Amino acid sequence: MPGAVIVGSGPGIGRSVARRFAKEGLAVGLVSRSGSSLGLDGVLTYRADCGDEGELRAALDAATGALGTPDVVVYNAAIIRPDTLAEANARVQLDAWAVNVVGALITAAHVVPAMARRGGGTFIVTGGMPEPKPAYVSLSLGKAGLRTLVAMLDEEYGASGVHVAGVTVAGAVAPGTAFDPDDIAEHYWRLHTQPPEAWEREIVHTGTHG
């Protein structure tokens, strides 16, 4: 059975993406700090702090042991908090970078080579901050790092059939708004099902149509 693993699964985008892939018949594994099922039936759950390499790799080993090499992996973990240039603190920045960027790199290193050996798969990251904001320093730097990671992974593994892409969300996610997580989740399914000749590296959800 084809499988999807969502790393950094929470009650917003994570739950909506899980529900969207499950609707299409994919087995779903959720990796989060809480190990929650998010109220979804039939999903597999794994607990890991995405900033802890050992915990993250152990959760990914468990997920791939149950599902096999996933058809699609979504990295959705992030530390989202305001922090300014004037109050920069090395520990705060490093802790955020560990989750916002390094966790995505470790996840990719753990699953993407196997996808490439198989000849196909999808790796999607949740991006944001299309323009950096000085009121959100760590998040702005992290999302810029994710965009660079996507470019490198695409260059390294795209020719092997792995579609690497990002969904950049340009606003605060909330149900019933222009940034409804169910609407955003459609981008992930669209990227996963694109034929290679139509692959996109980034979709930006601006909350407007057209």
Protein backbone atom coordinates (compact mmCIF):
# COMPACT_ATOMS: atom_id res chain seq x y z
CA MET A 1 0.00 0.00 0.00
CA PRO A 2 1.40 3.45 -0.84
CA GLY A 3 2.30 5.54 2.18
CA ALA A 4 2.73 9.14 3.28
CA VAL A 5 4.74 10.40 6.25
CA ILE A 6 4.09 13.85 7.68
CA VAL A 7 6.88 15.12 9.94
CA GLY A 8 5.84 17.92 12.23
CA SER A 9 2.17 17.04 12.27
CA GLY A 10 -0.08 19.45 14.10
CA PRO A 11 -3.72 20.53 14.13
CA GLY A 12 -3.32 22.91 11.17
CA ILE A 13 -1.58 22.05 7.91
CA GLY A 14 -0.30 18.70 9.21
CA ARG A 15 -3.74 17.33 9.97
CA SER A 16 -5.22 18.64 6.72
CA VAL A 17 -2.42 17.14 4.62
CA ALA A 18 -2.74 13.81 6.44
CA ARG A 19 -6.48 13.78 5.83
CA ARG A 20 -6.00 14.70 2.16
CA PHE A 21 -3.57 11.86 1.49
CA ALA A 22 -5.62 9.36 3.50
CA LYS A 23 -8.64 10.29 1.39
CA GLU A 24 -6.73 9.03 -1.65
CA GLY A 25 -6.06 5.68 -0.01
CA LEU A 26 -2.52 6.25 1.26
CA ALA A 27 -1.47 4.83 4.61
CA VAL A 28 -0.36 7.75 6.77
CA GLY A 29 2.32 8.06 9.44
CA LEU A 30 2.50 11.14 11.67
CA VAL A 31 5.67 12.28 13.43
CA SER A 32 5.33 14.93 16.13
CA ARG A 33 6.55 15.95 19.56
CA SER A 34 3.32 14.69 21.11
CA GLY A 35 2.86 11.54 19.05
CA SER A 36 -0.78 12.56 18.56
CA SER A 37 -3.12 11.04 15.99
CA LEU A 38 -4.81 14.46 15.64
CA GLY A 39 -8.15 12.74 15.95
CA LEU A 40 -7.67 10.90 12.66
CA ASP A 41 -8.59 7.25 12.35
CA GLY A 42 -6.19 4.64 11.02
CA VAL A 43 -2.99 6.70 11.10
CA LEU A 44 0.29 5.51 12.58
CA THR A 45 1.89 7.83 15.13
CA TYR A 46 5.49 8.37 16.16
CA ARG A 47 6.93 10.73 18.76
CA ALA A 48 10.04 12.78 18.05
CA ASP A 49 11.49 16.21 18.66
CA CYS A 50 12.47 17.26 15.14
CA GLY A 51 15.43 19.15 16.57
CA ASP A 52 16.84 15.91 18.01
CA GLU A 53 18.54 13.87 15.29
CA GLY A 54 18.44 10.61 17.22
CA GLU A 55 14.72 10.86 18.00
CA LEU A 56 13.89 11.95 14.46
CA ARG A 57 15.84 9.15 12.79
CA ALA A 58 14.32 6.58 15.17
CA ALA A 59 10.80 7.77 14.31
CA LEU A 60 11.58 7.67 10.59
CA ASP A 61 13.00 4.16 10.95
CA ALA A 62 9.79 3.07 12.67
CA ALA A 63 7.62 4.72 10.02
CA THR A 64 9.52 3.23 7.08
CA GLY A 65 9.58 -0.12 8.85
CA ALA A 66 5.79 -0.07 8.95
CA LEU A 67 5.08 1.60 5.60
CA GLY A 68 8.16 0.80 3.53
CA THR A 69 9.84 3.61 1.62
CA PRO A 70 7.11 6.26 1.56
CA ASP A 71 5.64 7.54 -1.67
CA VAL A 72 5.57 11.01 -0.18
CA VAL A 73 7.18 12.69 2.82
CA VAL A 74 6.12 16.12 4.04
CA TYR A 75 8.35 18.11 6.39
CA ASN A 76 6.05 20.51 8.20
CA ALA A 77 7.90 21.18 11.48
CA ALA A 78 8.75 24.74 12.46
CA ILE A 79 9.39 26.95 15.43
CA ILE A 80 7.26 30.03 14.82
CA ARG A 81 7.84 32.94 17.15
CA PRO A 82 8.62 36.64 16.88
CA ASP A 83 12.24 37.63 17.42
CA THR A 84 14.01 40.77 16.32
CA LEU A 85 17.47 41.61 15.03
CA ALA A 86 18.27 43.68 18.13
CA GLU A 87 17.47 40.83 20.53
CA ALA A 88 19.41 38.15 18.62
CA ASN A 89 20.46 35.28 20.86
CA ALA A 90 22.68 32.47 19.57
CA ARG A 91 20.96 29.69 21.54
CA VAL A 92 17.50 30.77 20.41
CA GLN A 93 18.63 30.98 16.79
CA LEU A 94 20.39 27.61 16.86
CA ASP A 95 17.41 25.87 18.46
CA ALA A 96 15.10 27.30 15.79
CA TRP A 97 17.51 26.40 12.97
CA ALA A 98 17.71 22.82 14.28
CA VAL A 99 13.96 22.36 13.78
CA ASN A 100 13.28 24.70 10.87
CA VAL A 101 16.12 23.54 8.61
CA VAL A 102 18.33 20.78 10.01
CA GLY A 103 15.33 18.55 10.78
CA ALA A 104 14.28 18.82 7.14
CA LEU A 105 17.81 17.99 6.00
CA ILE A 106 17.99 14.93 8.27
CA THR A 107 14.56 13.77 7.12
CA ALA A 108 15.58 14.13 3.49
CA ALA A 109 18.89 12.35 4.06
CA HIS A 110 17.00 9.50 5.73
CA VAL A 111 14.32 8.90 3.08
CA VAL A 112 15.15 10.56 -0.25
CA PRO A 113 18.07 8.30 -1.30
CA ALA A 114 15.79 5.26 -0.93
CA MET A 115 13.16 7.01 -3.06
CA ALA A 116 15.84 7.66 -5.69
CA ARG A 117 16.96 4.02 -5.67
CA ARG A 118 13.33 2.99 -6.18
CA GLY A 119 13.01 5.46 -9.03
CA GLY A 120 10.38 7.80 -7.62
CA GLY A 121 8.85 9.65 -4.71
CA THR A 122 7.87 13.08 -3.48
CA PHE A 123 9.50 15.19 -0.76
CA ILE A 124 7.67 18.39 0.16
CA VAL A 125 8.55 21.05 2.73
CA THR A 126 6.23 23.64 4.20
CA GLY A 127 7.76 27.02 3.50
CA GLY A 128 6.77 30.53 4.41
CA MET A 129 8.03 34.09 4.60
CA PRO A 130 8.31 34.72 0.84
CA GLU A 131 9.81 38.04 1.94
CA PRO A 132 11.96 38.16 5.10
CA LYS A 133 10.52 40.09 8.03
CA PRO A 134 12.79 41.67 10.67
CA ALA A 135 10.17 40.93 13.33
CA TYR A 136 10.59 37.17 12.64
CA VAL A 137 14.33 36.70 12.26
CA SER A 138 14.69 32.97 12.99
CA LEU A 139 11.65 32.05 10.90
CA SER A 140 12.76 34.22 7.97
CA LEU A 141 16.25 32.69 8.02
CA GLY A 142 14.82 29.20 8.40
CA LYS A 143 12.42 29.47 5.49
CA ALA A 144 15.20 30.86 3.29
CA GLY A 145 17.29 27.86 4.28
CA LEU A 146 14.46 25.49 3.39
CA ARG A 147 14.15 27.05 -0.06
CA THR A 148 17.87 26.46 -0.63
CA LEU A 149 17.58 22.88 0.62
CA VAL A 150 14.77 22.20 -1.86
CA ALA A 151 16.94 23.51 -4.70
CA MET A 152 19.87 21.29 -3.71
CA LEU A 153 17.74 18.17 -3.26
CA ASP A 154 16.09 18.75 -6.62
CA GLU A 155 19.48 19.09 -8.29
CA GLU A 156 20.78 15.94 -6.60
CA TYR A 157 17.76 13.64 -6.88
CA GLY A 158 15.35 15.07 -9.45
CA ALA A 159 16.90 13.09 -12.30
CA SER A 160 16.30 9.91 -10.27
CA GLY A 161 12.57 10.57 -10.22
CA VAL A 162 12.19 12.30 -6.87
CA HIS A 163 10.00 15.39 -6.97
CA VAL A 164 11.28 17.86 -4.35
CA ALA A 165 9.20 20.97 -3.78
CA GLY A 166 7.96 23.49 -1.27
CA VAL A 167 4.57 24.93 -0.41
CA THR A 168 5.15 28.51 0.72
CA VAL A 169 2.36 29.85 2.90
CA ALA A 170 2.33 33.66 2.86
CA GLY A 171 0.09 34.23 5.86
CA ALA A 172 -1.24 32.93 9.17
CA VAL A 173 -3.04 29.61 8.82
CA ALA A 174 -6.57 29.49 10.23
CA PRO A 175 -9.74 27.58 9.28
CA GLY A 176 -12.37 29.59 7.44
CA THR A 177 -9.89 32.19 6.19
CA ALA A 178 -7.98 32.68 2.95
CA PHE A 179 -5.32 30.51 4.60
CA ASP A 180 -7.57 27.60 5.47
CA PRO A 181 -5.39 24.49 6.01
CA ASP A 182 -7.75 22.32 3.95
CA ASP A 183 -7.24 24.62 0.96
CA ILE A 184 -3.48 24.65 1.50
CA ALA A 185 -3.42 20.85 1.67
CA GLU A 186 -4.63 20.68 -1.92
CA HIS A 187 -1.24 22.06 -3.04
CA TYR A 188 0.55 19.09 -1.48
CA TRP A 189 -1.64 16.60 -3.32
CA ARG A 190 -1.21 18.55 -6.55
CA LEU A 191 2.58 18.46 -6.24
CA HIS A 192 2.57 14.76 -5.45
CA THR A 193 0.49 13.89 -8.49
CA GLN A 194 2.22 16.13 -11.05
CA PRO A 195 3.83 14.29 -13.98
CA PRO A 196 7.59 14.88 -14.24
CA GLU A 197 7.25 17.16 -17.25
CA ALA A 198 5.03 19.49 -15.20
CA TRP A 199 6.93 19.44 -11.90
CA GLU A 200 6.93 22.67 -9.93
CA ARG A 201 9.57 23.42 -7.32
CA GLU A 202 7.45 25.86 -5.32
CA ILE A 203 3.80 26.76 -4.92
CA VAL A 204 3.05 30.00 -3.07
CA HIS A 205 -0.30 30.20 -1.29
CA THR A 206 -1.09 33.91 -1.09
CA GLY A 207 -4.72 33.59 -0.08
CA THR A 208 -5.93 34.93 -3.40
CA HIS A 209 -7.13 33.18 -6.53
CA GLY A 210 -5.87 33.64 -10.06
